[in-house]
N, C-alpha and C. Protein backbone atom coordinates (compact mmCIF):
# COMPACT_ATOMS: atom_id res chain seq x y z
N UNK A 1 83.28 -0.61 35.70
CA UNK A 1 83.93 0.79 36.37
C UNK A 1 82.81 1.34 37.30
N UNK A 2 83.14 1.82 38.22
CA UNK A 2 81.78 2.19 39.30
C UNK A 2 81.50 3.84 38.63
N UNK A 3 80.72 4.34 38.84
CA UNK A 3 80.44 5.83 38.61
C UNK A 3 81.29 6.83 39.56
N UNK A 4 81.63 7.63 39.09
CA UNK A 4 82.56 8.70 39.61
C UNK A 4 81.53 9.69 40.37
N UNK A 5 81.52 9.87 41.62
CA UNK A 5 80.76 10.83 42.30
C UNK A 5 81.35 12.04 42.37
N UNK A 6 80.94 13.15 41.88
CA UNK A 6 80.78 14.41 41.85
C UNK A 6 80.71 14.94 43.22
N UNK A 7 81.88 15.66 43.76
CA UNK A 7 81.79 16.27 45.09
C UNK A 7 81.56 17.92 44.64
N UNK A 8 80.25 18.51 45.14
CA UNK A 8 79.74 19.77 44.99
C UNK A 8 80.41 20.57 45.99
N UNK A 9 81.01 21.75 45.22
CA UNK A 9 81.46 22.78 46.40
C UNK A 9 80.50 23.14 47.26
N UNK A 10 80.82 23.76 48.27
CA UNK A 10 80.08 24.63 49.34
C UNK A 10 79.13 25.72 48.54
N UNK A 11 79.69 26.16 47.77
CA UNK A 11 79.05 27.21 46.76
C UNK A 11 77.78 26.58 45.95
N UNK A 12 78.34 25.55 45.40
CA UNK A 12 77.10 24.88 45.08
C UNK A 12 76.06 24.12 45.78
N UNK A 13 76.48 23.91 46.80
CA UNK A 13 75.65 23.40 48.11
C UNK A 13 74.66 24.62 48.52
N UNK A 14 75.34 25.56 48.55
CA UNK A 14 74.56 26.78 49.13
C UNK A 14 73.19 27.11 47.95
N UNK A 15 73.81 27.28 46.85
CA UNK A 15 73.06 27.75 45.71
C UNK A 15 71.96 26.84 45.55
N UNK A 16 72.24 25.30 45.59
CA UNK A 16 71.20 24.41 45.82
C UNK A 16 69.91 24.61 46.87
N UNK A 17 70.63 24.73 48.20
CA UNK A 17 69.47 25.22 49.24
C UNK A 17 68.59 26.50 48.96
N UNK A 18 69.69 27.53 48.29
CA UNK A 18 68.57 28.83 48.46
C UNK A 18 67.47 28.32 47.29
N UNK A 19 67.83 27.79 46.19
CA UNK A 19 67.10 27.57 45.22
C UNK A 19 65.85 26.97 45.76
N UNK A 20 65.55 26.20 46.43
CA UNK A 20 64.47 25.33 47.16
C UNK A 20 63.57 26.49 47.47
N UNK A 21 63.83 27.78 47.78
CA UNK A 21 62.91 28.89 48.19
C UNK A 21 62.26 29.38 47.13
N UNK A 22 61.43 30.21 47.19
CA UNK A 22 61.14 31.32 46.76
C UNK A 22 61.82 32.43 45.87
N UNK A 23 61.95 32.84 45.01
CA UNK A 23 62.72 34.04 44.55
C UNK A 23 61.81 35.07 45.20
N UNK A 24 62.89 36.25 45.45
CA UNK A 24 62.41 37.39 46.45
C UNK A 24 62.55 37.39 47.77
N UNK A 25 63.34 35.98 48.16
CA UNK A 25 63.34 36.07 49.61
C UNK A 25 64.76 36.59 50.07
N UNK A 26 65.22 37.01 51.13
CA UNK A 26 66.07 37.36 51.86
C UNK A 26 67.26 36.37 52.15
N UNK A 27 68.41 36.64 51.76
CA UNK A 27 69.49 35.45 52.17
C UNK A 27 70.36 36.08 53.44
N UNK A 28 70.48 35.18 54.52
CA UNK A 28 71.63 35.94 55.47
C UNK A 28 72.33 34.75 55.65
N UNK A 29 74.01 35.06 55.98
CA UNK A 29 74.96 34.17 55.95
C UNK A 29 74.63 33.32 56.99
N UNK A 30 74.15 33.93 58.12
CA UNK A 30 73.58 32.88 59.38
C UNK A 30 72.73 31.70 58.93
N UNK A 31 72.24 31.79 57.96
CA UNK A 31 71.51 30.45 57.38
C UNK A 31 72.65 29.22 57.43
N UNK A 32 73.61 29.44 56.89
CA UNK A 32 74.85 28.58 56.21
C UNK A 32 75.97 28.37 57.15
N UNK A 33 76.12 29.35 58.08
CA UNK A 33 77.57 29.53 58.99
C UNK A 33 77.76 28.10 59.66
N UNK A 34 76.83 27.66 60.00
CA UNK A 34 76.93 26.72 61.08
C UNK A 34 77.35 25.57 60.50
N UNK A 35 76.84 24.94 59.43
CA UNK A 35 76.91 23.90 58.45
C UNK A 35 77.94 24.25 57.56
N UNK A 36 78.63 25.32 56.95
CA UNK A 36 79.65 25.29 56.29
C UNK A 36 80.97 26.40 56.60
N UNK A 37 80.64 27.13 57.82
CA UNK A 37 81.41 27.82 58.32
C UNK A 37 81.45 28.78 58.15
N UNK A 38 82.01 30.18 58.73
CA UNK A 38 81.85 31.75 58.39
C UNK A 38 82.50 32.09 57.27
N UNK A 39 83.68 31.57 56.83
CA UNK A 39 84.75 32.02 55.43
C UNK A 39 84.07 31.31 54.64
N UNK A 40 84.05 29.90 54.68
CA UNK A 40 83.38 29.47 53.20
C UNK A 40 81.89 30.03 52.85
N UNK A 41 81.11 30.27 54.07
CA UNK A 41 79.87 30.74 53.64
C UNK A 41 80.26 32.49 53.19
N UNK A 42 80.94 33.22 53.49
CA UNK A 42 81.22 34.45 53.30
C UNK A 42 81.67 34.65 51.58
N UNK A 43 82.32 33.50 51.60
CA UNK A 43 83.38 33.95 49.94
C UNK A 43 82.20 33.27 49.13
N UNK A 44 81.31 32.25 49.55
CA UNK A 44 80.48 31.49 48.48
C UNK A 44 79.39 32.52 48.31
N UNK A 45 78.83 33.17 49.23
CA UNK A 45 77.96 34.17 48.78
C UNK A 45 78.46 35.36 48.02
N UNK A 46 79.70 35.57 48.43
CA UNK A 46 79.95 36.60 47.34
C UNK A 46 80.29 36.12 45.95
N UNK A 47 80.46 34.91 45.79
CA UNK A 47 80.78 34.29 44.33
C UNK A 47 79.46 34.43 43.59
N UNK A 48 78.38 33.74 44.35
CA UNK A 48 77.05 33.74 43.92
C UNK A 48 76.46 35.29 43.43
N UNK A 49 76.78 36.29 44.30
CA UNK A 49 76.55 37.42 43.91
C UNK A 49 77.42 37.99 42.67
N UNK A 50 78.71 37.55 42.44
CA UNK A 50 79.37 37.84 41.37
C UNK A 50 78.67 37.08 40.13
N UNK A 51 78.26 36.27 40.29
CA UNK A 51 77.70 35.43 39.22
C UNK A 51 76.25 35.93 38.96
N UNK A 52 75.73 36.50 39.93
CA UNK A 52 74.59 37.32 39.48
C UNK A 52 73.24 36.70 40.01
N UNK A 53 73.65 35.26 40.66
CA UNK A 53 72.33 34.64 41.04
C UNK A 53 71.69 35.01 42.54
N UNK A 54 72.84 35.91 43.61
CA UNK A 54 72.33 36.77 44.23
C UNK A 54 72.43 38.20 43.71
N UNK A 55 71.78 39.01 44.57
CA UNK A 55 71.97 40.42 44.56
C UNK A 55 72.16 40.99 45.91
N UNK A 56 73.45 41.72 46.40
CA UNK A 56 73.62 41.92 47.45
C UNK A 56 72.94 43.81 48.38
N UNK A 57 71.94 43.13 49.02
CA UNK A 57 71.36 44.74 49.45
C UNK A 57 72.00 45.38 50.20
N UNK A 58 73.20 44.76 50.84
CA UNK A 58 73.59 45.50 51.92
C UNK A 58 74.90 44.48 52.67
N UNK A 59 75.55 45.16 53.58
CA UNK A 59 76.41 44.29 53.92
C UNK A 59 75.76 42.63 54.61
N UNK A 60 76.24 41.88 54.64
CA UNK A 60 75.85 40.79 54.98
C UNK A 60 74.14 40.35 54.85
N UNK A 61 73.89 40.93 54.06
CA UNK A 61 72.12 40.75 53.55
C UNK A 61 71.97 40.67 52.03
N UNK A 62 71.59 39.49 51.36
CA UNK A 62 71.76 39.22 50.23
C UNK A 62 70.16 38.97 49.80
N UNK A 63 69.74 38.82 48.56
CA UNK A 63 68.59 38.71 48.06
C UNK A 63 68.50 37.59 46.96
N UNK A 64 67.30 36.51 46.79
CA UNK A 64 67.36 35.55 45.51
C UNK A 64 66.39 36.35 44.85
N UNK A 65 66.82 37.06 43.79
CA UNK A 65 66.08 37.94 43.21
C UNK A 65 64.96 37.44 42.58
N UNK A 66 63.97 38.03 42.17
CA UNK A 66 63.02 37.92 41.33
C UNK A 66 63.09 38.94 40.46
N UNK A 67 62.75 38.68 39.38
CA UNK A 67 63.40 39.68 38.42
C UNK A 67 62.11 39.64 37.18
N UNK A 68 61.75 40.96 36.82
CA UNK A 68 60.61 41.44 35.87
C UNK A 68 61.11 41.67 34.23
N UNK A 69 60.77 41.68 33.39
CA UNK A 69 61.15 41.58 32.18
C UNK A 69 61.61 43.55 31.97
N UNK A 70 60.74 43.84 32.70
CA UNK A 70 60.48 45.81 32.06
C UNK A 70 61.14 46.09 33.41
N UNK A 71 61.33 45.73 34.60
CA UNK A 71 61.13 46.40 36.04
C UNK A 71 62.64 45.92 36.43
N UNK A 72 63.27 44.67 36.09
CA UNK A 72 64.40 44.18 36.36
C UNK A 72 64.48 43.83 37.49
N UNK A 73 65.35 43.66 38.58
CA UNK A 73 64.98 43.11 40.15
C UNK A 73 63.93 43.62 41.05
N UNK A 74 63.12 43.08 41.48
CA UNK A 74 61.88 43.58 42.24
C UNK A 74 62.51 43.02 43.63
N UNK A 75 62.69 44.21 44.39
CA UNK A 75 63.34 44.10 45.92
C UNK A 75 62.08 44.25 46.80
N UNK A 76 62.60 43.79 48.00
CA UNK A 76 61.37 43.50 48.82
C UNK A 76 61.09 45.24 49.67
N UNK A 77 59.88 44.92 50.20
CA UNK A 77 59.93 45.97 50.99
C UNK A 77 60.59 46.39 52.23
N UNK A 78 60.95 47.64 52.65
CA UNK A 78 61.81 47.82 53.90
C UNK A 78 61.52 46.70 54.97
N UNK A 79 60.15 47.14 55.59
CA UNK A 79 59.86 46.14 56.64
C UNK A 79 60.16 44.80 56.56
N UNK A 80 59.82 44.19 55.21
CA UNK A 80 60.40 42.69 55.32
C UNK A 80 61.67 42.58 55.24
N UNK A 81 62.58 43.36 54.82
CA UNK A 81 64.21 43.38 55.19
C UNK A 81 64.45 43.31 56.79
N UNK A 82 63.90 44.57 57.27
CA UNK A 82 63.79 44.77 58.60
C UNK A 82 63.37 43.25 59.86
N UNK A 83 62.47 42.76 59.22
CA UNK A 83 61.70 41.83 60.02
C UNK A 83 62.85 40.74 60.35
N UNK A 84 63.31 40.31 58.62
CA UNK A 84 64.35 39.08 58.23
C UNK A 84 65.35 39.26 58.97
N UNK A 85 65.75 40.78 59.13
CA UNK A 85 67.14 41.08 60.37
C UNK A 85 66.87 40.81 61.85
N UNK A 86 65.72 41.02 62.14
CA UNK A 86 65.31 41.21 63.54
C UNK A 86 64.78 39.51 63.74
N UNK A 87 64.57 38.57 63.32
CA UNK A 87 64.56 37.48 63.24
C UNK A 87 65.80 36.62 63.37
N UNK A 88 66.67 37.00 62.55
CA UNK A 88 68.13 36.63 62.70
C UNK A 88 68.80 36.94 63.96
N UNK A 89 68.44 38.00 64.53
CA UNK A 89 68.93 38.54 65.66
C UNK A 89 68.32 38.11 67.02
N UNK A 90 67.34 37.39 66.79
CA UNK A 90 66.24 37.26 67.65
C UNK A 90 65.86 38.56 68.62
N UNK A 91 65.66 39.63 68.09
CA UNK A 91 65.40 40.53 68.35
C UNK A 91 63.58 41.46 68.23
N UNK A 92 63.27 41.93 68.58
CA UNK A 92 61.95 42.67 68.44
C UNK A 92 62.07 43.94 67.95
N UNK A 93 61.36 44.18 66.92
CA UNK A 93 61.05 45.60 66.20
C UNK A 93 59.75 45.99 66.47
N UNK A 94 59.57 47.55 66.12
CA UNK A 94 58.47 48.15 65.68
C UNK A 94 58.67 49.36 64.74
N UNK A 95 57.91 49.74 63.89
CA UNK A 95 57.89 50.39 62.78
C UNK A 95 57.72 51.87 63.37
N UNK A 96 58.09 53.10 63.23
CA UNK A 96 57.76 54.01 64.31
C UNK A 96 57.46 55.35 62.67
N UNK A 97 57.29 56.45 63.07
CA UNK A 97 57.21 57.63 62.31
C UNK A 97 56.48 57.39 61.18
N UNK A 98 56.92 57.98 60.08
CA UNK A 98 56.35 58.07 58.65
C UNK A 98 56.18 56.33 58.13
N UNK A 99 56.89 55.86 58.45
CA UNK A 99 56.62 53.97 58.11
C UNK A 99 55.70 53.53 58.89
N UNK A 100 55.11 53.86 60.04
CA UNK A 100 54.17 53.62 60.83
C UNK A 100 52.59 53.95 60.32
N UNK A 101 53.00 55.53 59.98
CA UNK A 101 51.87 55.94 59.13
C UNK A 101 51.51 55.58 57.60
N UNK A 102 52.53 55.18 57.14
CA UNK A 102 52.54 54.34 56.01
C UNK A 102 51.84 53.01 55.97
N UNK A 103 51.98 52.09 56.84
CA UNK A 103 51.61 50.88 57.13
C UNK A 103 49.73 50.69 57.41
N UNK A 104 49.43 52.10 58.30
CA UNK A 104 48.37 51.66 58.72
C UNK A 104 47.35 52.98 57.76
N UNK A 105 47.95 52.97 56.70
CA UNK A 105 47.18 53.73 55.25
C UNK A 105 46.86 55.12 55.70
N UNK A 106 47.70 55.73 56.66
CA UNK A 106 47.33 57.29 57.03
C UNK A 106 48.46 58.52 56.15
N UNK A 107 49.35 57.52 55.82
CA UNK A 107 50.01 58.37 54.60
C UNK A 107 50.40 57.59 53.30
N UNK A 108 50.51 58.25 52.17
CA UNK A 108 50.89 58.01 50.89
C UNK A 108 52.60 57.66 50.65
N UNK A 109 53.27 58.21 51.74
CA UNK A 109 54.34 58.84 51.63
C UNK A 109 55.38 57.53 51.93
N UNK A 110 56.06 57.12 51.23
CA UNK A 110 57.17 56.02 51.38
C UNK A 110 58.35 56.45 51.58
N UNK A 111 58.71 56.42 53.20
CA UNK A 111 59.73 56.95 53.62
C UNK A 111 61.36 56.62 53.20
N UNK A 112 62.25 57.30 52.69
CA UNK A 112 63.25 57.17 52.38
C UNK A 112 64.08 56.40 53.63
N UNK A 113 64.00 57.24 54.82
CA UNK A 113 64.32 56.49 56.11
C UNK A 113 63.60 56.21 56.93
N UNK A 114 63.53 54.50 57.02
CA UNK A 114 62.52 54.04 58.20
C UNK A 114 63.38 53.58 59.34
N UNK A 115 63.00 53.87 60.53
CA UNK A 115 62.99 53.88 61.83
C UNK A 115 62.36 52.75 62.69
N UNK A 116 63.28 51.83 63.21
CA UNK A 116 62.20 50.89 63.86
C UNK A 116 63.08 51.00 65.26
N UNK A 117 62.03 50.90 66.23
CA UNK A 117 62.35 50.69 68.04
C UNK A 117 62.87 49.09 67.89
N UNK A 118 63.71 48.56 68.53
CA UNK A 118 64.30 47.38 69.02
C UNK A 118 65.03 47.32 70.14
N UNK A 119 64.62 46.23 70.76
CA UNK A 119 65.68 45.33 72.06
C UNK A 119 67.02 44.97 71.54
N UNK A 120 67.17 44.80 70.44
CA UNK A 120 68.30 44.55 69.68
C UNK A 120 69.37 45.27 69.46
N UNK A 121 70.44 45.28 68.63
CA UNK A 121 71.69 46.03 68.98
C UNK A 121 71.23 47.43 67.94
N UNK A 122 71.87 48.61 68.42
CA UNK A 122 71.30 49.77 67.28
C UNK A 122 72.16 49.83 66.29
N UNK A 123 71.51 50.12 64.87
CA UNK A 123 72.61 50.25 63.84
C UNK A 123 71.87 50.69 62.60
N UNK A 124 72.88 51.41 61.67
CA UNK A 124 71.79 51.78 60.25
C UNK A 124 72.20 51.07 59.22
N UNK A 125 71.50 50.74 58.23
CA UNK A 125 71.89 50.04 56.98
C UNK A 125 71.17 50.91 56.09
N UNK A 126 72.21 50.99 54.79
CA UNK A 126 72.07 51.56 53.59
C UNK A 126 71.66 50.50 52.90
N UNK A 127 70.53 50.34 52.18
CA UNK A 127 69.83 49.85 51.39
C UNK A 127 69.34 50.75 49.71
N UNK A 128 70.33 50.48 48.84
CA UNK A 128 69.98 51.34 47.86
C UNK A 128 70.25 52.73 48.11
N UNK A 129 68.92 53.66 47.82
CA UNK A 129 68.76 54.93 47.95
C UNK A 129 68.05 54.88 49.46
N UNK A 130 68.04 53.95 50.21
CA UNK A 130 67.31 53.83 51.56
C UNK A 130 67.97 53.87 52.86
N UNK A 131 67.52 54.03 53.96
CA UNK A 131 68.24 53.75 54.84
C UNK A 131 67.26 52.93 55.94
N UNK A 132 67.57 52.03 56.84
CA UNK A 132 66.96 51.51 57.48
C UNK A 132 67.76 51.55 58.99
N UNK A 133 67.09 52.65 59.93
CA UNK A 133 67.74 52.52 61.39
C UNK A 133 66.81 51.69 62.57
N UNK A 134 67.55 50.82 63.03
CA UNK A 134 67.01 50.45 64.22
C UNK A 134 67.78 51.26 65.67
N UNK A 135 66.73 51.66 66.46
CA UNK A 135 67.19 52.69 67.29
C UNK A 135 66.57 51.76 68.67
N UNK A 136 67.26 51.55 69.56
CA UNK A 136 67.56 50.91 70.71
C UNK A 136 66.49 51.42 71.88
N UNK A 137 65.21 50.82 72.31
CA UNK A 137 64.54 51.29 72.98
C UNK A 137 64.12 50.61 74.52
N UNK A 138 63.06 51.11 75.40
CA UNK A 138 62.96 50.61 76.57
C UNK A 138 62.03 49.38 76.13
N UNK A 139 61.93 48.14 76.99
CA UNK A 139 61.29 47.53 76.70
C UNK A 139 59.34 47.39 76.60
N UNK A 140 59.25 48.58 77.28
CA UNK A 140 57.53 48.84 77.38
C UNK A 140 57.36 49.25 75.92
N UNK A 141 58.42 50.19 75.15
CA UNK A 141 57.69 50.48 73.73
C UNK A 141 57.73 49.11 72.95
N UNK A 142 57.97 47.98 73.03
CA UNK A 142 57.92 46.91 72.57
C UNK A 142 57.05 45.79 73.16
N UNK A 143 56.61 46.26 74.12
CA UNK A 143 55.32 45.16 74.50
C UNK A 143 54.16 45.21 74.21
N UNK A 144 53.82 46.07 73.24
CA UNK A 144 52.45 45.66 72.77
C UNK A 144 52.19 44.36 72.02
N UNK A 145 50.38 43.53 72.28
CA UNK A 145 50.62 42.38 71.53
C UNK A 145 50.42 42.45 70.34
N UNK A 146 49.48 43.54 69.79
CA UNK A 146 48.23 43.59 68.81
C UNK A 146 49.48 44.13 67.85
N UNK A 147 49.66 43.85 66.88
CA UNK A 147 50.61 44.47 65.83
C UNK A 147 49.58 45.97 65.45
N UNK A 148 48.31 45.80 65.03
CA UNK A 148 47.92 47.10 64.61
C UNK A 148 47.83 47.86 65.62
N UNK A 149 47.52 47.54 67.00
CA UNK A 149 47.49 48.31 67.87
C UNK A 149 48.93 49.20 68.16
N UNK A 150 49.63 48.12 67.68
CA UNK A 150 51.11 48.69 68.43
C UNK A 150 51.21 49.93 67.52
N UNK A 151 51.23 49.77 65.89
CA UNK A 151 51.21 50.56 64.97
C UNK A 151 50.66 51.84 65.06
N UNK A 152 49.31 51.27 65.61
CA UNK A 152 48.56 52.62 65.79
C UNK A 152 49.17 53.97 66.76
N UNK A 153 49.69 53.31 67.97
CA UNK A 153 50.65 53.93 69.07
C UNK A 153 51.54 55.16 68.27
N UNK A 154 52.23 54.10 67.80
CA UNK A 154 53.58 55.05 67.14
C UNK A 154 52.87 56.00 66.28
N UNK A 155 52.22 55.62 65.32
CA UNK A 155 51.71 56.36 64.34
C UNK A 155 50.78 57.68 64.78
N UNK A 156 50.06 57.39 66.27
CA UNK A 156 49.57 58.56 66.77
C UNK A 156 50.61 59.37 67.39
N UNK A 157 51.78 59.17 67.98
CA UNK A 157 52.93 59.67 68.50
C UNK A 157 53.72 60.72 67.49
N UNK A 158 53.74 59.92 66.28
CA UNK A 158 54.28 60.47 65.39
C UNK A 158 53.60 61.98 64.84
N UNK A 159 52.18 61.69 64.51
CA UNK A 159 51.24 62.96 64.50
C UNK A 159 50.96 64.16 65.63
N UNK A 160 51.12 63.52 66.86
CA UNK A 160 50.98 64.40 68.08
C UNK A 160 49.62 64.86 68.25
N UNK A 161 49.50 64.98 69.69
CA UNK A 161 48.07 65.14 69.90
C UNK A 161 47.71 66.44 69.34
N UNK A 162 48.20 67.24 69.55
CA UNK A 162 47.76 68.93 68.86
C UNK A 162 47.24 68.70 67.15
N UNK A 163 47.93 67.51 67.00
CA UNK A 163 47.64 67.93 65.00
C UNK A 163 47.18 66.65 64.53
N UNK A 164 46.42 65.55 65.39
CA UNK A 164 46.14 64.73 65.16
C UNK A 164 44.71 65.24 64.79
N UNK A 165 43.72 64.17 63.51
CA UNK A 165 42.34 64.98 63.10
C UNK A 165 41.48 64.01 63.18
N UNK A 166 40.32 64.30 63.18
CA UNK A 166 39.04 63.28 63.08
C UNK A 166 39.29 61.81 61.84
N UNK A 167 39.71 62.89 60.81
CA UNK A 167 39.79 61.52 59.48
C UNK A 167 40.50 60.81 59.86
N UNK A 168 42.04 60.84 60.48
CA UNK A 168 43.10 60.27 61.23
C UNK A 168 42.62 59.37 62.24
N UNK A 169 41.99 59.90 62.85
CA UNK A 169 41.36 58.63 63.85
C UNK A 169 39.85 57.61 63.17
N UNK A 170 39.52 58.07 62.43
CA UNK A 170 38.64 57.46 61.67
C UNK A 170 39.00 56.07 60.87
N UNK A 171 40.21 56.61 60.34
CA UNK A 171 41.26 55.44 59.59
C UNK A 171 41.67 54.72 60.42
N UNK A 172 42.11 54.89 61.88
CA UNK A 172 42.58 53.95 62.84
C UNK A 172 41.57 52.94 63.23
N UNK A 173 40.43 53.63 63.32
CA UNK A 173 39.23 52.85 64.26
C UNK A 173 38.82 51.68 62.87
N UNK A 174 39.06 52.04 61.52
CA UNK A 174 38.91 51.21 60.32
C UNK A 174 40.07 49.64 60.81
N UNK A 175 41.32 50.25 60.94
CA UNK A 175 42.48 49.04 61.26
C UNK A 175 42.18 48.27 62.15
N UNK A 176 41.57 49.07 63.57
CA UNK A 176 41.54 48.25 64.63
C UNK A 176 40.38 47.57 64.69
N UNK A 177 39.64 47.46 63.59
CA UNK A 177 38.50 46.54 63.30
C UNK A 177 38.85 45.20 63.40
N UNK A 178 40.21 45.17 62.92
CA UNK A 178 40.82 43.95 62.54
C UNK A 178 41.76 43.23 64.03
N UNK A 179 41.81 44.00 64.61
CA UNK A 179 42.76 43.63 65.90
C UNK A 179 41.74 42.84 67.04
N UNK A 180 42.67 42.18 67.62
CA UNK A 180 41.76 41.36 68.75
C UNK A 180 41.42 42.25 70.09
N UNK A 181 40.18 42.28 70.65
CA UNK A 181 40.21 43.13 71.51
C UNK A 181 40.58 43.07 73.15
N UNK A 182 41.34 41.97 73.18
CA UNK A 182 42.25 41.92 74.19
C UNK A 182 43.60 42.48 74.37
N UNK A 183 43.68 42.34 72.84
CA UNK A 183 45.05 43.24 72.58
C UNK A 183 45.37 44.96 72.59
N UNK A 184 43.84 45.20 72.07
CA UNK A 184 43.82 46.60 72.17
C UNK A 184 43.32 47.32 73.69
N UNK A 185 42.70 46.32 74.55
CA UNK A 185 43.07 46.58 75.82
C UNK A 185 44.36 46.49 76.65
N UNK A 186 45.08 45.63 76.48
CA UNK A 186 46.21 45.57 76.97
C UNK A 186 47.13 46.53 76.48
N UNK A 187 47.03 46.96 75.03
CA UNK A 187 48.02 47.86 74.69
C UNK A 187 47.97 49.44 75.07
N UNK A 188 46.59 49.69 75.24
CA UNK A 188 46.07 51.09 75.28
C UNK A 188 46.77 51.36 76.71
N UNK A 189 46.83 50.71 77.68
CA UNK A 189 47.90 50.88 79.15
C UNK A 189 49.31 50.75 78.82
N UNK A 190 49.60 50.80 78.13
CA UNK A 190 51.19 51.30 77.23
C UNK A 190 51.16 52.44 76.68
N UNK A 191 50.36 53.18 76.49
CA UNK A 191 50.12 54.16 75.37
C UNK A 191 49.99 55.60 76.39
N UNK A 192 50.68 56.84 76.02
CA UNK A 192 50.23 57.95 76.57
C UNK A 192 48.86 58.30 76.96
N UNK A 193 48.66 58.99 77.83
CA UNK A 193 46.69 59.04 78.37
C UNK A 193 46.25 59.56 76.92
N UNK A 194 46.60 60.60 76.00
CA UNK A 194 45.65 61.02 75.07
C UNK A 194 45.58 59.92 74.61
N UNK A 195 46.48 59.00 73.85
CA UNK A 195 46.37 58.12 73.26
C UNK A 195 45.51 56.97 73.37
N UNK A 196 45.67 56.39 74.88
CA UNK A 196 44.94 55.67 75.52
C UNK A 196 43.06 55.92 75.44
N UNK A 197 42.97 57.46 75.78
CA UNK A 197 41.58 57.96 75.45
C UNK A 197 40.86 57.75 74.03
N UNK A 198 41.70 57.51 73.18
CA UNK A 198 41.49 57.09 71.49
C UNK A 198 41.17 56.00 71.76
N UNK A 199 41.82 55.26 72.00
CA UNK A 199 41.71 53.63 72.03
C UNK A 199 40.30 53.46 72.88
N UNK A 200 40.05 54.17 74.02
CA UNK A 200 38.91 53.76 74.98
C UNK A 200 37.67 54.00 74.15
N UNK A 201 37.55 55.02 73.39
CA UNK A 201 36.58 55.44 72.91
C UNK A 201 36.13 54.65 71.57
N UNK A 202 37.38 54.19 70.79
CA UNK A 202 37.06 52.89 69.47
C UNK A 202 36.54 51.74 70.19
N UNK A 203 36.81 51.39 71.69
CA UNK A 203 36.49 49.78 72.17
C UNK A 203 35.10 50.36 72.72
N UNK A 204 34.88 51.72 73.06
CA UNK A 204 33.39 51.48 73.48
C UNK A 204 32.42 51.70 72.34
N UNK A 205 33.08 52.02 71.12
CA UNK A 205 32.34 51.95 69.92
C UNK A 205 31.97 50.57 69.26
N UNK A 206 32.49 50.11 69.23
CA UNK A 206 32.96 48.28 68.44
C UNK A 206 32.57 47.41 69.42
N UNK A 207 33.10 47.70 70.46
CA UNK A 207 32.94 46.15 71.23
C UNK A 207 31.98 46.11 72.31
N UNK A 208 31.14 47.20 72.66
CA UNK A 208 30.31 47.32 73.90
C UNK A 208 29.27 47.48 73.45
């Protein structure tokens, strides 16, 4: 007698594919919908969540959780979640406000409400006690070539021309030392004149 071939369910196939990756990664339905169909994917991810294999972060956003004995499920940071959503939607994003300040080391405050400018669909997601808002913006605000120089523009806008301190500028100098010179030259042209002046001073100090 030949061996009986066990046919795996869609749920088990999706589970196998997820387990190939590292724990702590974001899981999106779009990764499986083309292969297994929208309804089959939706039902399978729901069942895997009910089984405790996945954790649901928000509607249509799941986590293959990494667990700590003391802390329980370790959740990814807000920016990681936002970047995964942008990648799925083929959209560009850039952090603004307190989020930009935090990423540049200008603030130790971790914002509960993170705002990202995007050329994708505007929306607000609730993830636990935190909120991610994607705010539609003009292409110019997303045209920065450098990640750090782009963040610096948003951070300085948040602080404001009248409130920016020498300490803020020194911290930005340290961050921009890691940025490509050509990116800074490019991005200063996109910034308000007072921010372009700060970038210009930095370029003179470090690169000339």
